[in-house]
Protein backbone atom coordinates (compact mmCIF):
# COMPACT_ATOMS: atom_id res chain seq x y z
CA MET A 1 0.19 -0.27 -0.22
CA PHE A 2 1.17 3.51 -1.13
CA VAL A 3 0.78 6.89 1.07
CA TRP A 4 1.20 8.89 -1.23
CA GLY A 5 1.39 13.26 0.43
CA ASN A 6 -1.07 11.96 3.81
CA ASN A 7 -0.66 11.07 6.77
CA PRO A 8 -3.72 10.24 7.17
CA LEU A 9 -3.22 8.91 11.07
CA ILE A 10 -3.28 12.93 11.60
CA ALA A 11 -5.93 14.03 9.08
CA ASN A 12 -7.98 13.52 6.69
CA ALA A 13 -11.03 15.23 6.51
CA ASP A 14 -13.10 12.80 4.72
CA GLY A 15 -13.74 11.51 7.95
CA ASN A 16 -11.78 7.53 7.48
CA LEU A 17 -9.77 7.47 10.55
CA GLY A 18 -6.23 6.79 9.68
CA HIS A 19 -5.71 3.56 11.98
CA TRP A 20 -6.93 1.22 9.19
CA VAL A 21 -3.57 1.32 7.85
CA VAL A 22 -1.96 0.38 10.50
CA ASP A 23 -4.74 -2.55 10.78
CA CYS A 24 -3.10 -3.36 7.28
CA MET A 25 0.41 -3.41 8.56
CA LYS A 26 -0.46 -5.55 11.64
CA ARG A 27 -2.53 -8.20 9.03
CA GLY A 28 1.39 -7.93 6.88
CA SER A 29 1.51 -5.19 4.06
CA LYS A 30 3.55 -3.87 2.84
CA LEU A 31 3.97 0.04 3.44
CA ILE A 32 5.64 2.63 1.05
CA VAL A 33 5.23 5.99 2.43
CA VAL A 34 6.07 9.25 -0.42
CA ASP A 35 6.40 12.16 1.79
CA PRO A 36 8.99 14.19 2.46
CA ARG A 37 8.27 14.76 5.99
CA LEU A 38 9.57 11.59 8.30
CA THR A 39 5.99 11.02 10.03
CA TRP A 40 5.12 8.06 11.88
CA LEU A 41 4.20 5.73 8.86
CA ALA A 42 7.01 6.58 6.53
CA ALA A 43 9.35 5.13 10.34
CA LYS A 44 7.18 2.36 9.65
CA ALA A 45 7.63 1.91 6.32
CA ASP A 46 9.20 -1.39 4.73
CA LEU A 47 9.94 2.20 2.22
CA TRP A 48 10.25 5.72 2.59
CA LEU A 49 10.65 7.80 -0.18
CA GLN A 50 12.08 11.03 1.00
CA ILE A 51 10.68 12.91 -2.19
CA ARG A 52 11.66 16.67 -3.37
CA PRO A 53 8.16 18.55 -2.78
CA GLY A 54 6.43 19.15 -5.69
CA THR A 55 7.99 16.96 -7.92
CA ASP A 56 5.28 12.90 -7.34
CA SER A 57 4.45 13.32 -11.11
CA MET A 58 8.75 12.88 -11.81
CA LEU A 59 7.93 9.80 -9.50
CA ALA A 60 5.38 8.23 -10.69
CA LEU A 61 6.58 9.01 -14.62
CA SER A 62 9.47 7.17 -13.68
CA MET A 63 7.93 4.74 -12.54
CA GLY A 64 5.86 4.22 -15.28
CA LYS A 65 8.76 3.75 -17.45
CA TYR A 66 10.69 1.21 -15.60
CA ILE A 67 7.19 -1.40 -15.54
CA MET A 68 6.48 -1.19 -18.80
CA GLU A 69 10.89 -0.88 -19.66
CA ASN A 70 10.56 -4.19 -17.49
CA GLY A 71 7.62 -5.94 -18.82
CA LEU A 72 6.25 -5.70 -15.36
CA TYR A 73 2.53 -4.05 -16.41
CA ASP A 74 -0.64 -6.02 -16.24
CA ASN A 75 -1.00 -7.12 -20.66
CA GLU A 76 -4.03 -8.18 -20.29
CA PHE A 77 -5.12 -5.82 -18.53
CA VAL A 78 -4.80 -2.68 -20.31
CA GLU A 79 -5.41 -4.67 -23.17
CA LYS A 80 -8.75 -5.41 -22.15
CA TRP A 81 -9.99 -1.96 -20.19
CA CYS A 82 -6.40 0.62 -20.97
CA TYR A 83 -6.74 3.26 -24.10
CA GLY A 84 -3.60 5.41 -25.01
CA PHE A 85 -0.21 2.96 -23.73
CA GLU A 86 0.94 3.31 -26.51
CA GLU A 87 1.39 7.09 -26.05
CA TYR A 88 1.33 7.72 -22.36
CA GLU A 89 4.26 4.85 -23.25
CA LYS A 90 5.87 7.36 -25.52
CA ALA A 91 5.66 10.05 -22.86
CA CYS A 92 7.45 8.76 -20.56
CA GLU A 93 9.97 7.71 -22.04
CA PRO A 94 11.62 10.89 -21.23
CA TYR A 95 11.49 10.23 -17.86
CA ASN A 96 14.68 7.73 -16.91
CA LEU A 97 16.28 6.52 -13.67
CA ASP A 98 18.96 8.99 -13.11
CA TRP A 99 17.28 12.07 -14.53
CA ALA A 100 14.40 10.96 -12.09
CA SER A 101 16.91 10.65 -9.27
CA GLU A 102 18.46 13.91 -9.74
CA VAL A 103 15.27 15.97 -9.92
CA THR A 104 13.31 13.85 -6.79
CA TRP A 105 16.62 13.74 -4.94
CA LEU A 106 15.66 9.83 -4.43
CA GLY A 107 18.57 6.96 -5.24
CA LYS A 108 17.92 4.83 -8.53
CA GLU A 109 17.02 2.14 -6.45
CA ASP A 110 14.48 3.68 -4.60
CA ILE A 111 12.88 3.98 -7.44
CA ILE A 112 13.72 1.68 -8.70
CA ALA A 113 11.83 -0.14 -5.30
CA ALA A 114 8.72 1.49 -5.86
CA ALA A 115 8.03 0.33 -9.34
CA LYS A 116 7.69 -2.74 -7.65
CA TYR A 117 5.96 -3.09 -4.72
CA MET A 118 3.84 -0.76 -7.72
CA SER A 119 3.55 -3.94 -10.18
CA GLU A 120 2.78 -6.92 -7.24
CA LYS A 121 -1.31 -7.61 -6.95
CA PRO A 122 -2.97 -6.54 -5.44
CA THR A 123 -1.81 -3.19 -4.24
CA ALA A 124 -3.47 0.27 -3.45
CA VAL A 125 -2.84 4.29 -3.15
CA GLN A 126 -4.58 6.62 -0.33
CA TRP A 127 -3.04 10.01 -1.85
CA GLY A 128 -3.65 13.60 0.09
CA LEU A 129 -3.65 16.88 -0.82
CA ALA A 130 0.45 17.35 -1.21
CA ILE A 131 -0.97 16.06 -4.69
CA ASP A 132 -4.62 18.08 -4.92
CA MET A 133 -3.14 21.62 -3.96
CA ASN A 134 0.32 21.71 -5.24
CA LEU A 135 1.28 23.09 -8.63
CA GLN A 136 1.38 19.92 -11.31
CA CYS A 137 -1.87 18.98 -9.51
CA VAL A 138 -3.29 17.21 -12.62
CA THR A 139 -0.90 15.99 -13.77
CA ALA A 140 0.77 14.44 -10.95
CA SER A 141 -2.88 12.89 -10.77
CA GLN A 142 -2.95 11.25 -14.11
CA ALA A 143 0.02 9.54 -14.07
CA LEU A 144 -0.36 8.30 -10.31
CA CYS A 145 -3.54 7.07 -11.91
CA ASN A 146 -2.00 5.67 -14.59
CA LEU A 147 0.36 3.51 -12.40
CA TRP A 148 -2.65 1.83 -11.41
CA CYS A 149 -4.16 1.24 -14.28
CA ILE A 150 -1.22 -0.73 -16.52
CA THR A 151 -0.37 -2.53 -13.44
CA GLY A 152 -4.01 -3.75 -13.33
CA GLN A 153 -4.66 -2.82 -9.22
CA ILE A 154 -8.53 -1.32 -10.67
CA ASP A 155 -11.34 -3.37 -8.66
CA ILE A 156 -9.96 -6.16 -7.68
CA PRO A 157 -10.07 -7.35 -3.72
CA GLY A 158 -6.74 -5.29 -1.88
CA GLY A 159 -6.69 -3.04 -5.16
CA MET A 160 -8.25 0.48 -6.23
CA ILE A 161 -12.08 -0.51 -5.93
CA THR A 162 -15.43 1.92 -7.19
CA VAL A 163 -17.47 2.90 -4.44
CA HIS A 164 -20.96 3.85 -4.62
CA ASP A 165 -21.71 7.42 -3.64
CA PRO A 166 -23.85 7.80 -0.38
CA TYR A 167 -27.27 8.09 -2.01
CA ASN A 168 -26.46 4.41 -4.11
CA THR A 169 -26.85 6.32 -7.58
CA GLU A 170 -25.34 4.18 -10.58
CA VAL A 171 -23.24 7.08 -11.51
CA TRP A 172 -22.36 10.51 -10.02
CA LEU A 173 -22.82 12.40 -12.40
CA PRO A 174 -25.48 15.86 -12.88
CA PRO A 175 -27.88 14.64 -15.48
CA ASP A 176 -27.40 16.33 -19.22
CA PRO A 177 -29.01 19.38 -19.75
CA ARG A 178 -31.29 17.75 -22.83
CA GLU A 179 -32.86 16.56 -20.35
CA VAL A 180 -33.75 19.38 -18.13
CA PHE A 181 -34.66 21.69 -20.99
CA THR A 182 -36.16 22.67 -23.78
CA PRO A 183 -34.14 23.27 -26.44
CA GLU A 184 -36.23 26.98 -26.67
CA GLN A 185 -34.83 26.87 -22.40
CA GLU A 186 -31.72 26.74 -22.97
CA LYS A 187 -30.32 28.77 -25.32
CA GLU A 188 -31.71 31.21 -22.50
CA ARG A 189 -30.01 29.25 -20.36
CA ILE A 190 -26.91 31.63 -19.12
CA GLY A 191 -23.62 30.44 -20.54
CA SER A 192 -25.18 28.01 -23.26
CA ASN A 193 -22.97 29.72 -26.19
CA TYR A 194 -19.71 29.35 -24.20
CA GLU A 195 -17.74 26.28 -26.14
CA MET A 196 -16.87 25.02 -23.42
CA ILE A 197 -16.32 21.48 -21.60
CA THR A 198 -19.19 23.48 -18.83
CA ASN A 199 -22.02 23.89 -21.76
CA SER A 200 -21.51 19.66 -22.36
CA GLY A 201 -23.26 17.10 -19.71
CA MET A 202 -23.37 19.48 -17.13
CA VAL A 203 -26.45 22.16 -15.66
CA GLN A 204 -25.08 24.89 -14.41
CA CYS A 205 -23.91 28.32 -14.92
CA GLN A 206 -19.68 28.44 -16.12
CA ALA A 207 -18.21 31.24 -13.69
CA ASP A 208 -17.39 33.97 -16.13
CA SER A 209 -20.51 33.65 -18.46
CA MET A 210 -22.19 33.99 -14.18
CA ILE A 211 -20.03 37.66 -13.72
CA ASP A 212 -20.52 38.91 -16.87
CA GLN A 213 -24.04 38.63 -16.00
CA LEU A 214 -24.06 40.41 -12.95
CA VAL A 215 -21.98 42.99 -14.46
CA THR A 216 -24.03 43.51 -17.86
CA GLY A 217 -27.31 42.48 -16.64
CA ARG A 218 -27.39 40.55 -20.13
CA PRO A 219 -29.46 38.42 -20.54
CA PHE A 220 -31.27 38.54 -17.32
CA LYS A 221 -31.04 40.87 -14.00
CA ILE A 222 -29.62 39.16 -11.46
CA ARG A 223 -31.53 40.81 -8.68
CA ALA A 224 -30.18 39.04 -5.76
CA ALA A 225 -27.34 36.96 -4.55
CA TRP A 226 -27.02 34.47 -1.57
CA ILE A 227 -23.64 34.27 -0.90
CA GLN A 228 -23.10 31.11 2.07
CA SER A 229 -19.26 30.29 3.45
CA THR A 230 -17.69 31.83 0.58
CA ASN A 231 -15.12 34.91 0.03
CA PRO A 232 -15.03 35.19 -3.61
CA LEU A 233 -13.35 38.73 -3.41
CA ALA A 234 -10.10 37.83 -1.42
CA CYS A 235 -9.90 34.34 -2.34
CA CYS A 236 -11.59 32.88 -5.62
CA ALA A 237 -12.24 35.91 -7.89
CA GLN A 238 -8.84 36.41 -9.71
CA ASP A 239 -9.78 39.07 -11.78
CA PRO A 240 -7.78 42.58 -12.12
CA GLU A 241 -10.97 44.59 -12.02
CA PRO A 242 -13.39 44.65 -9.47
CA ARG A 243 -15.45 42.87 -11.15
CA VAL A 244 -16.90 40.28 -8.88
CA GLU A 245 -17.85 43.16 -6.57
CA LYS A 246 -19.45 45.45 -9.41
CA GLY A 247 -21.28 42.88 -9.64
CA LEU A 248 -22.50 42.70 -6.27
CA ARG A 249 -23.29 45.88 -6.30
CA ASN A 250 -25.66 45.30 -9.33
CA CYS A 251 -28.15 43.38 -7.02
CA GLU A 252 -30.47 45.29 -5.62
CA PHE A 253 -29.63 42.60 -1.95
CA VAL A 254 -27.17 40.38 -1.03
CA VAL A 255 -27.27 38.85 2.22
CA GLY A 256 -23.81 36.58 3.50
CA VAL A 257 -23.51 33.38 6.11
CA ASP A 258 -20.14 33.39 7.74
CA CYS A 259 -18.46 33.21 11.12
CA PHE A 260 -16.11 35.97 10.14
CA MET A 261 -17.19 40.04 8.69
CA THR A 262 -15.47 39.37 5.18
CA PRO A 263 -14.01 41.25 3.13
CA THR A 264 -17.28 40.28 0.66
CA LEU A 265 -19.19 40.89 3.29
CA MET A 266 -18.58 44.12 4.99
CA ALA A 267 -17.93 45.11 1.51
CA ASN A 268 -21.63 43.90 -0.57
CA CYS A 269 -23.64 42.64 1.69
CA ASP A 270 -27.38 44.23 3.56
CA VAL A 271 -27.72 41.73 5.92
CA VAL A 272 -25.33 39.13 7.07
CA LEU A 273 -25.90 35.92 9.08
CA PRO A 274 -24.53 34.72 11.97
CA LEU A 275 -22.83 30.99 11.27
CA CYS A 276 -21.45 29.20 14.54
CA PHE A 277 -18.17 26.76 14.00
CA TYR A 278 -18.28 23.31 13.49
CA PRO A 279 -18.08 22.28 16.81
CA GLU A 280 -21.45 24.11 17.66
CA ARG A 281 -23.28 22.36 15.42
CA GLU A 282 -25.01 19.09 15.40
CA GLY A 283 -25.34 17.57 11.89
CA LEU A 284 -25.09 15.68 9.61
CA ARG A 285 -22.14 14.70 6.78
CA SER A 286 -22.20 12.54 3.20
CA VAL A 287 -19.39 13.23 0.99
CA TRP A 288 -17.05 10.65 -0.37
CA TYR A 289 -18.42 7.85 1.88
CA TYR A 290 -21.91 6.99 3.78
CA ILE A 291 -24.35 10.05 6.48
CA GLN A 292 -22.25 9.88 9.65
CA ASN A 293 -23.40 12.69 12.32
CA THR A 294 -21.36 15.29 14.11
CA ASN A 295 -22.23 16.40 17.37
CA LYS A 296 -21.66 19.52 19.25
CA ALA A 297 -18.60 20.12 21.64
CA CYS A 298 -20.69 23.80 22.95
CA GLU A 299 -23.51 25.43 22.55
CA PRO A 300 -23.10 28.63 20.38
CA MET A 301 -22.37 31.99 20.74
CA GLY A 302 -24.80 34.67 20.19
CA GLU A 303 -27.71 34.13 18.07
CA SER A 304 -25.20 32.44 15.59
CA LYS A 305 -27.04 29.77 13.78
CA ASP A 306 -25.64 26.85 11.76
CA ASP A 307 -26.18 26.10 7.88
CA PHE A 308 -29.03 23.60 8.25
CA GLN A 309 -30.48 25.63 10.49
CA ILE A 310 -30.52 29.05 8.50
CA ASN A 311 -31.33 26.98 4.81
CA TRP A 312 -34.56 25.69 6.67
CA GLU A 313 -35.81 28.51 8.44
CA LEU A 314 -35.34 30.23 5.19
CA GLY A 315 -37.08 28.00 2.87
CA ARG A 316 -39.46 27.43 5.80
CA ARG A 317 -41.55 31.05 5.56
């Protein structure tokens, strides 16, 4: 089992407590840890790869190259299920062991050992935000997924199991716009004229088109905005001009829901509803795993309420 850029014993936002890794180790699972830091798991690992931060994709590509060159991949699985294997093989060509060792600060023998572990069945990979949040997020994620594809680790016991979402739907994807709107309605949908992937298979407004509509009022004026637990002026509204602030000022009424008086709330909101903190609320959570309850540790301060209460009261009224 690879624990790659993750330390599940002390932090796992998905709610899956990390003791399961220790349980696997007790049952004899080999453990490979990819982490610049010497964590508790790294100290107990069969192989600790003290990687240079931000070079995860290079490590994965060099492992893929070694696996393919030495015939360690699952030829039957590749032939039956994988698309683009030849292109992937070509893409890995530059990432030889000498180059990868220099870039990742890892010894060649350690990269070889990791590649051999990856090719053994079954092997699973537990990765974390160190992959998701670095500058090479997409390429690193693709490179890791390719490793377990070419080694046939998908949907086997002990490998990369595909699980159902909590609502047991067959596919966890939004509906196709054609199933929701008539052709006439689709023409009026905001952003439907954008030649982008967001205009295919997603019934939602593309972000830039929404901001354009807030600023220009075309084709429809947005009269009100509800800003809940987000702070676009300081975080996600990365435009050179204050278009988001200008657009929100064009609204007739703006409500903010947050724990803090953020710049967005102070600049734009007519009404601010105080939100209580996570330890102050009862609730349910359901993201990647089945539904779980959360129990509050203390009482809310002042007039604050949790998201459930605020939205429920709004809906009732």
